[in-house]
Protein backbone atom coordinates (compact mmCIF):
# COMPACT_ATOMS: atom_id res chain seq x y z
CA UNK A 1 8.38 100.17 58.15
CA UNK A 2 6.10 98.41 55.21
CA UNK A 3 3.09 96.64 56.13
CA UNK A 4 3.03 92.71 55.45
CA UNK A 5 1.42 92.50 51.27
CA UNK A 6 -0.75 89.75 50.59
CA UNK A 7 2.03 88.30 48.09
CA UNK A 8 4.07 87.45 51.15
CA UNK A 9 1.06 85.95 52.53
CA UNK A 10 0.52 83.63 49.58
CA UNK A 11 3.86 82.48 48.53
CA UNK A 12 4.64 81.31 52.43
CA UNK A 13 1.59 79.57 51.75
CA UNK A 14 2.57 78.14 49.18
CA UNK A 15 5.88 76.86 49.95
CA UNK A 16 4.58 75.57 53.65
CA UNK A 17 2.38 73.39 51.56
CA UNK A 18 5.33 71.82 49.94
CA UNK A 19 7.27 71.33 52.89
CA UNK A 20 7.43 67.65 54.45
CA UNK A 21 9.34 65.78 56.62
CA UNK A 22 11.00 63.77 54.29
CA UNK A 23 12.84 66.67 52.11
CA UNK A 24 15.57 66.45 54.65
CA UNK A 25 15.30 63.33 56.33
CA UNK A 26 17.52 61.76 53.66
CA UNK A 27 20.04 64.70 54.19
CA UNK A 28 19.98 64.66 58.07
CA UNK A 29 20.28 61.12 59.13
CA UNK A 30 23.65 61.11 59.84
CA UNK A 31 23.76 64.08 61.98
CA UNK A 32 21.44 65.39 65.45
CA UNK A 33 20.83 68.58 64.45
CA UNK A 34 17.57 67.94 66.09
CA UNK A 35 19.21 68.07 69.42
CA UNK A 36 17.29 71.20 70.30
CA UNK A 37 13.67 70.97 69.53
CA UNK A 38 12.79 74.93 69.69
CA UNK A 39 15.86 75.10 67.21
CA UNK A 40 14.93 73.28 64.21
CA UNK A 41 17.11 72.94 61.37
CA UNK A 42 16.96 75.08 58.04
CA UNK A 43 14.72 73.25 55.13
CA UNK A 44 17.08 74.26 52.22
CA UNK A 45 14.84 72.41 49.70
CA UNK A 46 12.22 74.57 50.67
CA UNK A 47 14.07 77.75 50.27
CA UNK A 48 15.42 77.05 47.04
CA UNK A 49 12.07 76.42 46.00
CA UNK A 50 10.55 79.57 47.53
CA UNK A 51 13.71 82.06 46.31
CA UNK A 52 15.25 81.01 43.32
CA UNK A 53 13.44 81.84 40.19
CA UNK A 54 14.42 82.41 36.71
CA UNK A 55 14.16 85.92 36.62
CA UNK A 56 14.76 86.56 40.04
CA UNK A 57 18.01 87.44 41.70
CA UNK A 58 18.30 84.79 44.23
CA UNK A 59 20.05 82.26 42.03
CA UNK A 60 21.37 79.44 44.48
CA UNK A 61 21.03 78.97 47.88
CA UNK A 62 23.39 76.75 50.32
CA UNK A 63 22.72 75.77 53.78
CA UNK A 64 25.77 74.59 55.95
CA UNK A 65 25.74 73.06 59.28
CA UNK A 66 29.01 74.65 60.46
CA UNK A 67 31.67 76.82 59.17
CA UNK A 68 34.02 79.87 60.41
CA UNK A 69 32.33 82.47 58.77
CA UNK A 70 29.77 82.95 55.70
CA UNK A 71 31.31 86.38 54.09
CA UNK A 72 35.13 84.67 54.39
CA UNK A 73 33.64 81.51 52.47
CA UNK A 74 31.84 83.72 49.97
CA UNK A 75 34.36 86.48 49.43
CA UNK A 76 36.85 83.57 48.68
CA UNK A 77 34.20 81.80 46.07
CA UNK A 78 33.62 85.35 44.63
CA UNK A 79 36.94 86.06 44.19
CA UNK A 80 37.93 82.43 42.79
CA UNK A 81 35.05 83.21 40.00
CA UNK A 82 33.29 79.82 41.83
CA UNK A 83 30.31 81.90 42.95
CA UNK A 84 27.79 84.21 40.68
CA UNK A 85 25.56 87.35 41.65
CA UNK A 86 22.75 85.88 43.86
CA UNK A 87 24.57 83.39 45.61
CA UNK A 88 23.24 83.26 49.38
CA UNK A 89 25.23 80.99 51.51
CA UNK A 90 24.07 79.97 55.29
CA UNK A 91 25.42 78.09 58.08
CA UNK A 92 23.22 77.43 60.57
CA UNK A 93 26.49 77.54 63.17
CA UNK A 94 29.63 79.91 62.78
CA UNK A 95 32.40 80.05 65.08
CA UNK A 96 34.19 82.60 63.36
CA UNK A 97 31.96 85.34 62.57
CA UNK A 98 32.70 88.91 62.26
CA UNK A 99 31.46 91.90 63.03
CA UNK A 100 32.60 95.46 61.75
CA UNK A 101 36.33 96.83 63.37
CA UNK A 102 36.59 92.97 63.09
CA UNK A 103 34.35 92.09 66.69
CA UNK A 104 33.69 88.50 67.26
CA UNK A 105 29.74 87.21 66.55
CA UNK A 106 29.47 83.97 67.74
CA UNK A 107 26.17 82.32 68.84
CA UNK A 108 24.27 78.77 69.97
CA UNK A 109 23.29 76.39 66.58
CA UNK A 110 20.20 77.71 64.59
CA UNK A 111 19.15 80.32 67.64
CA UNK A 112 19.86 83.15 65.01
CA UNK A 113 20.43 83.57 60.93
CA UNK A 114 23.46 84.00 59.93
CA UNK A 115 24.15 84.88 56.54
CA UNK A 116 25.92 86.00 53.25
CA UNK A 117 24.90 87.00 49.86
CA UNK A 118 27.18 87.76 47.05
CA UNK A 119 25.88 90.96 44.73
CA UNK A 120 27.57 92.50 42.02
CA UNK A 121 26.05 95.92 41.44
CA UNK A 122 28.44 97.31 37.65
CA UNK A 123 25.37 99.18 36.90
CA UNK A 124 26.22 101.66 39.70
CA UNK A 125 29.01 103.74 39.83
CA UNK A 126 31.68 102.05 42.25
CA UNK A 127 31.20 105.18 44.91
CA UNK A 128 27.73 104.80 45.38
CA UNK A 129 28.14 101.45 46.69
CA UNK A 130 28.38 102.79 49.97
CA UNK A 131 25.47 102.65 50.50
CA UNK A 132 24.67 99.02 50.57
CA UNK A 133 24.73 98.26 54.01
CA UNK A 134 22.44 100.84 54.60
CA UNK A 135 20.35 99.17 51.92
CA UNK A 136 20.87 96.43 53.37
CA UNK A 137 19.31 97.60 56.94
CA UNK A 138 16.32 98.35 55.58
CA UNK A 139 15.83 95.25 53.71
CA UNK A 140 16.07 93.38 56.74
CA UNK A 141 14.18 96.02 59.01
CA UNK A 142 11.31 95.95 56.38
CA UNK A 143 11.49 91.87 56.34
CA UNK A 144 11.39 91.54 60.24
CA UNK A 145 8.45 93.77 60.39
CA UNK A 146 6.56 91.74 58.03
CA UNK A 147 7.10 88.44 58.99
CA UNK A 148 8.13 88.87 62.64
CA UNK A 149 6.11 91.72 63.22
CA UNK A 150 8.98 93.04 65.08
CA UNK A 151 9.86 96.76 64.69
CA UNK A 152 13.28 97.21 64.36
CA UNK A 153 15.74 100.35 64.47
CA UNK A 154 18.53 101.47 62.77
CA UNK A 155 21.89 102.00 64.32
CA UNK A 156 24.41 103.76 61.72
CA UNK A 157 26.01 102.01 59.92
CA UNK A 158 24.85 98.86 60.45
CA UNK A 159 23.55 97.87 63.87
CA UNK A 160 19.72 96.23 64.22
CA UNK A 161 17.85 97.44 67.45
CA UNK A 162 15.04 96.25 69.08
CA UNK A 163 13.17 96.52 72.31
CA UNK A 164 13.22 94.41 74.77
CA UNK A 165 11.56 95.20 78.31
CA UNK A 166 11.59 99.41 77.14
CA UNK A 167 15.41 98.96 76.31
CA UNK A 168 16.88 99.41 72.49
CA UNK A 169 18.90 95.93 72.39
CA UNK A 170 21.20 95.05 69.49
CA UNK A 171 19.62 91.65 67.88
CA UNK A 172 21.96 91.93 64.30
CA UNK A 173 24.64 93.64 62.31
CA UNK A 174 25.70 93.55 58.53
CA UNK A 175 28.79 94.05 57.50
CA UNK A 176 29.61 94.21 53.54
CA UNK A 177 33.12 93.48 52.24
CA UNK A 178 34.60 93.74 48.44
CA UNK A 179 35.02 90.88 46.74
CA UNK A 180 37.29 91.93 43.66
CA UNK A 181 36.74 94.61 41.33
CA UNK A 182 33.12 93.85 40.64
CA UNK A 183 31.57 92.19 43.80
CA UNK A 184 30.39 92.98 47.16
CA UNK A 185 29.93 90.18 49.97
CA UNK A 186 27.17 91.03 52.66
CA UNK A 187 26.88 89.24 55.60
CA UNK A 188 24.16 89.64 58.03
CA UNK A 189 23.50 87.99 61.37
CA UNK A 190 20.09 88.27 63.28
CA UNK A 191 20.11 86.61 66.58
CA UNK A 192 16.46 85.40 66.34
CA UNK A 193 15.63 82.56 69.72
CA UNK A 194 18.54 83.72 72.01
CA UNK A 195 17.55 83.73 75.61
CA UNK A 196 18.15 85.81 78.24
CA UNK A 197 20.46 83.68 79.68
CA UNK A 198 22.83 83.17 76.07
CA UNK A 199 22.97 87.06 75.25
CA UNK A 200 26.95 87.30 75.18
CA UNK A 201 26.68 90.73 76.13
CA UNK A 202 24.54 92.68 78.57
CA UNK A 203 23.07 95.08 75.26
CA UNK A 204 22.11 92.25 73.26
CA UNK A 205 18.61 91.11 72.60
CA UNK A 206 16.80 88.78 69.84
CA UNK A 207 13.30 88.86 68.53
CA UNK A 208 12.20 86.09 70.74
CA UNK A 209 13.19 88.61 73.48
CA UNK A 210 11.33 91.77 71.10
CA UNK A 211 7.81 90.09 71.45
CA UNK A 212 8.23 88.15 68.07
CA UNK A 213 4.81 86.56 66.53
CA UNK A 214 7.40 83.79 65.03
CA UNK A 215 10.61 82.46 65.01
CA UNK A 216 10.11 80.43 62.23
CA UNK A 217 13.41 80.93 60.38
CA UNK A 218 12.82 79.41 57.31
CA UNK A 219 10.24 82.17 57.35
CA UNK A 220 12.15 85.44 58.04
CA UNK A 221 15.03 84.78 55.75
CA UNK A 222 12.69 84.38 53.29
CA UNK A 223 11.00 87.69 54.21
CA UNK A 224 14.21 89.11 54.64
CA UNK A 225 15.78 87.95 50.93
CA UNK A 226 12.83 89.01 49.36
CA UNK A 227 12.92 92.24 50.63
CA UNK A 228 16.44 92.45 49.80
CA UNK A 229 15.49 92.02 46.35
CA UNK A 230 13.24 94.03 46.16
CA UNK A 231 15.41 97.44 47.55
CA UNK A 232 18.93 96.10 45.52
CA UNK A 233 16.70 95.82 42.38
CA UNK A 234 14.95 99.30 43.20
CA UNK A 235 18.09 101.34 43.90
CA UNK A 236 20.23 99.09 41.33
CA UNK A 237 17.16 100.60 38.47
CA UNK A 238 17.84 104.30 40.15
CA UNK A 239 21.42 103.94 39.21
CA UNK A 240 22.97 104.03 42.80
CA UNK A 241 20.76 107.07 43.41
CA UNK A 242 19.46 107.17 47.23
CA UNK A 243 17.07 110.04 46.55
CA UNK A 244 15.48 108.18 43.33
CA UNK A 245 15.78 104.70 45.10
CA UNK A 246 13.78 106.46 48.08
CA UNK A 247 16.83 104.63 49.82
CA UNK A 248 17.90 107.61 51.87
CA UNK A 249 14.34 108.99 53.05
CA UNK A 250 13.47 105.12 54.47
CA UNK A 251 16.59 104.85 56.31
CA UNK A 252 16.45 108.15 57.59
CA UNK A 253 13.12 107.28 58.84
CA UNK A 254 14.11 104.53 60.78
CA UNK A 255 17.28 105.67 61.67
CA UNK A 256 17.36 105.56 65.52
CA UNK A 257 20.80 107.19 65.09
CA UNK A 258 19.56 110.58 63.84
CA UNK A 259 18.71 113.33 66.43
CA UNK A 260 20.67 112.15 69.26
CA UNK A 261 23.85 113.00 70.73
CA UNK A 262 26.79 111.02 69.61
CA UNK A 263 30.27 110.04 70.24
CA UNK A 264 32.13 108.70 66.74
CA UNK A 265 35.29 107.28 67.51
CA UNK A 266 37.05 108.15 64.68
CA UNK A 267 40.28 106.10 63.11
CA UNK A 268 43.54 107.43 63.80
CA UNK A 269 42.50 107.85 67.65
CA UNK A 270 40.28 110.91 67.10
CA UNK A 271 36.33 111.37 68.72
CA UNK A 272 33.60 113.30 67.71
CA UNK A 273 30.88 113.97 70.18
CA UNK A 274 27.72 116.17 68.70
CA UNK A 275 24.26 115.55 67.61
CA UNK A 276 23.23 113.26 64.89
CA UNK A 277 21.70 115.69 62.07
CA UNK A 278 21.17 114.03 58.95
CA UNK A 279 22.55 111.38 56.34
CA UNK A 280 24.88 112.95 53.16
CA UNK A 281 24.24 111.67 49.38
CA UNK A 282 27.04 109.40 50.47
CA UNK A 283 25.87 107.58 53.25
CA UNK A 284 27.76 109.21 56.23
CA UNK A 285 26.25 110.24 58.86
CA UNK A 286 26.13 114.16 59.39
CA UNK A 287 27.26 115.51 62.92
CA UNK A 288 26.68 118.76 64.43
CA UNK A 289 29.22 119.84 67.17
CA UNK A 290 29.06 122.55 69.64
CA UNK A 291 31.11 124.54 67.98
CA UNK A 292 28.76 124.97 65.18
CA UNK A 293 30.30 122.55 62.89
CA UNK A 294 29.03 119.84 60.76
CA UNK A 295 31.53 116.86 60.36
CA UNK A 296 30.10 113.96 58.02
CA UNK A 297 31.76 110.86 59.22
CA UNK A 298 31.89 107.61 57.00
CA UNK A 299 34.20 105.09 59.21
CA UNK A 300 34.37 104.54 62.73
CA UNK A 301 32.16 103.34 65.58
CA UNK A 302 28.99 104.98 66.68
CA UNK A 303 28.12 105.16 70.09
CA UNK A 304 24.96 106.75 71.19
CA UNK A 305 25.30 108.95 74.20
CA UNK A 306 22.63 108.39 77.14
CA UNK A 307 21.82 111.29 78.57
CA UNK A 308 23.52 112.50 81.68
């Protein structure tokens, strides 16, 4: 969506120049994180150096080897007032990761990026907080384009699609959860080096399968978090206005759902089929039915209907 700019390249070069094997040797001598040499561990010290700045959004970056769900962990910390805005929690492996509608998200250790961020958009009216998953989708797509050269499309409301062999595949997802009255935890999962024989379902994909120019997870994570910081600050400065911040137009431009025939499985067991024609001001998907009715959908499961 957005070309990589010079500042990203300079930042990455500076970060990489400071990386060395001794940083993690002390931390990792007692475990076996290098069992798969194609999937090296994340460099927590390098990530903190690159991302945590006095005037920036990101205040803390923590990497854990394994957890049930980074979202659940960070929601608990936020609810107990033990984490500040800008906290990033990354897991090398999740065994109880969750997507929307309580779907499970599992993948081999270090095969992807599984992380959650804590945001407190108190300057933005609560009724506009529903844009946060869409904002995150735009930010992730932008970061992946810059760092990995992968064209990522967005399936409303929270799926990240890549093209593998001419076919759309899901390579990631986003889950936003309230954490008390003033905070939102946004969880992001991205398949990075997942191989064809490791795919959980036939429609899954990964950056590697999509031909990414790099699968260095440190590089990809830095790019995604920098992009998320930029979009979040722009949206927050505009009071959450999706038009003034450019978010609504940018999401629509990268959304693979718009212009497609879709079926929405709605709460209560009702379904709705029609063409996805627009996003409204609340980030809801507007579906035009054959009866000529345009209905906004704010919750539910949306399926792209394949042409007959």
